[in-house]
Structures are given as C-alpha cells and as structure tokens.
Amino acid sequence: MGTAVGAVADSGAGGLLAALKDAGVDEADANVYVEGVRRGWTLVSAPIEDNDTSRVEAALDRGGGVNATARGTIYRQEGWTAFDQNAPLDLDDGVGRTL
C-alpha cells in the first residue's frame, strides 16, 4: 500500500512530523507538509493501493489540493529550511492567502 498525501489543519504538528516520518514519508516532504499545517492548511493522508495513486492524486487536484513540491519551493524562497514549532508564524502564507 502507498500513501496519498494532499496538503489541506491539524494540531500537534511536532507529533505529526514524527508520525509522517514513521509512516515512511521522505523527511524533506514531511517537513513541508507539517509546515503547511502550521500555516493553517490541512493535511489529508490515506492508505491506498499503489495502482490507485494517480486516481487519488487527480481527485485531490480537482478538490483544490496543493502541490507540496511547489509549496516547499515557495517556503524555501522565504528563507524557510524546515519545520520549527517555535518559529514565529507569519500570517501571510506566501501564496497570496492571508490567514
């Protein structure tokens, strides 16, 4: 089974980072997902069969899912390097949405 992850808010972001890494999510990707949660987005994760990955990703895209790779690039352009639960929170998420 694979895991489909679409950036969408959850609490306990520090624990979320560990849970994602424990589930096999790449550390760099996990940091982007959790930073998105910290900034007010929601993370959706679901166990799916590997052959369903494209279909699930398409459904998330149709529903307004966020491209985590592109979002990570935006965060890094702002000077972000990794999730830090103690970092000050900028109310502008860098993609034209003020929280």
Protein backbone atom coordinates (compact mmCIF):
# COMPACT_ATOMS: atom_id res chain seq x y z
CA MET A 1 0.00 0.00 0.00
CA GLY A 2 1.08 3.55 -0.67
CA THR A 3 0.03 6.77 0.99
CA ALA A 4 -1.61 9.68 -0.80
CA VAL A 5 -0.95 12.94 0.93
CA GLY A 6 -2.57 16.23 -0.03
CA ALA A 7 -1.87 19.43 1.78
CA VAL A 8 -5.04 20.68 3.44
CA ALA A 9 -5.12 21.98 9.52
CA ASP A 10 -4.36 19.63 12.18
CA SER A 11 -3.00 20.16 15.67
CA GLY A 12 0.10 18.74 17.28
CA ALA A 13 2.34 19.45 14.33
CA GLY A 14 5.51 18.23 16.06
CA GLY A 15 3.92 14.83 16.61
CA LEU A 16 2.63 14.89 13.06
CA LEU A 17 6.17 15.26 11.72
CA ALA A 18 7.29 12.16 13.61
CA ALA A 19 4.20 10.22 12.51
CA LEU A 20 4.78 11.07 8.85
CA LYS A 21 8.43 10.05 9.03
CA ASP A 22 7.47 6.83 10.85
CA ALA A 23 5.00 6.13 8.03
CA GLY A 24 7.82 6.33 5.51
CA VAL A 25 7.29 9.85 4.17
CA ASP A 26 10.55 11.42 2.99
CA GLU A 27 11.87 13.81 5.67
CA ALA A 28 12.00 16.83 3.33
CA ASP A 29 8.41 16.22 2.19
CA ALA A 30 7.23 15.63 5.76
CA ASN A 31 8.70 18.98 6.82
CA VAL A 32 6.82 20.77 4.02
CA TYR A 33 3.54 19.03 4.91
CA VAL A 34 3.85 19.90 8.60
CA GLU A 35 4.89 23.49 7.86
CA GLY A 36 1.77 23.79 5.73
CA VAL A 37 -0.32 22.57 8.67
CA ARG A 38 1.42 25.08 10.95
CA ARG A 39 0.47 27.81 8.48
CA GLY A 40 -3.20 26.85 8.55
CA TRP A 41 -3.54 24.27 5.81
CA THR A 42 -4.90 20.77 6.34
CA LEU A 43 -3.09 17.53 5.59
CA VAL A 44 -5.04 14.60 4.20
CA SER A 45 -3.40 11.18 4.33
CA ALA A 46 -4.98 7.90 3.31
CA PRO A 47 -3.72 4.36 2.78
CA ILE A 48 -4.29 3.42 -0.86
CA GLU A 49 -3.21 0.69 -3.22
CA ASP A 50 -0.20 1.65 -5.34
CA ASN A 51 -2.20 1.28 -8.56
CA ASP A 52 -4.72 3.88 -7.28
CA THR A 53 -2.15 6.65 -6.72
CA SER A 54 -2.84 8.54 -9.98
CA ARG A 55 -6.60 8.39 -9.49
CA VAL A 56 -6.39 9.65 -5.89
CA GLU A 57 -3.95 12.43 -6.79
CA ALA A 58 -6.30 13.54 -9.59
CA ALA A 59 -9.21 13.65 -7.14
CA LEU A 60 -7.20 15.76 -4.72
CA ASP A 61 -6.21 18.10 -7.55
CA ARG A 62 -9.85 18.52 -8.59
CA GLY A 63 -10.74 19.30 -4.98
CA GLY A 64 -8.20 22.08 -4.72
CA GLY A 65 -5.26 20.05 -3.42
CA VAL A 66 -1.93 21.81 -3.14
CA ASN A 67 1.28 20.75 -4.86
CA ALA A 68 3.57 20.21 -1.89
CA THR A 69 6.72 20.40 -4.01
CA ALA A 70 5.75 23.83 -5.33
CA ARG A 71 4.68 24.95 -1.85
CA GLY A 72 8.04 23.83 -0.42
CA THR A 73 9.81 25.87 -3.09
CA ILE A 74 7.82 28.95 -2.06
CA TYR A 75 8.64 28.36 1.61
CA ARG A 76 12.36 27.98 0.84
CA GLN A 77 12.34 31.22 -1.20
CA GLU A 78 11.13 32.90 2.00
CA GLY A 79 14.18 31.55 3.84
CA TRP A 80 12.40 28.59 5.48
CA THR A 81 14.52 25.46 5.87
CA ALA A 82 12.48 23.01 7.97
CA PHE A 83 9.51 22.80 10.31
CA ASP A 84 10.11 24.53 13.64
CA GLN A 85 7.15 24.55 16.00
CA ASN A 86 8.67 27.52 17.86
CA ALA A 87 9.19 29.69 14.77
CA PRO A 88 7.17 32.89 14.62
CA LEU A 89 4.14 32.49 12.41
CA ASP A 90 3.85 34.91 9.51
CA LEU A 91 0.17 35.43 8.79
CA ASP A 92 0.86 35.67 5.05
CA ASP A 93 1.43 32.10 3.87
CA GLY A 94 3.46 33.20 0.84
CA VAL A 95 0.93 32.12 -1.77
CA GLY A 96 -1.48 35.02 -1.68
CA ARG A 97 -3.62 33.76 1.18
CA THR A 98 -3.52 35.68 4.44
CA LEU A 99 -4.54 33.59 7.42
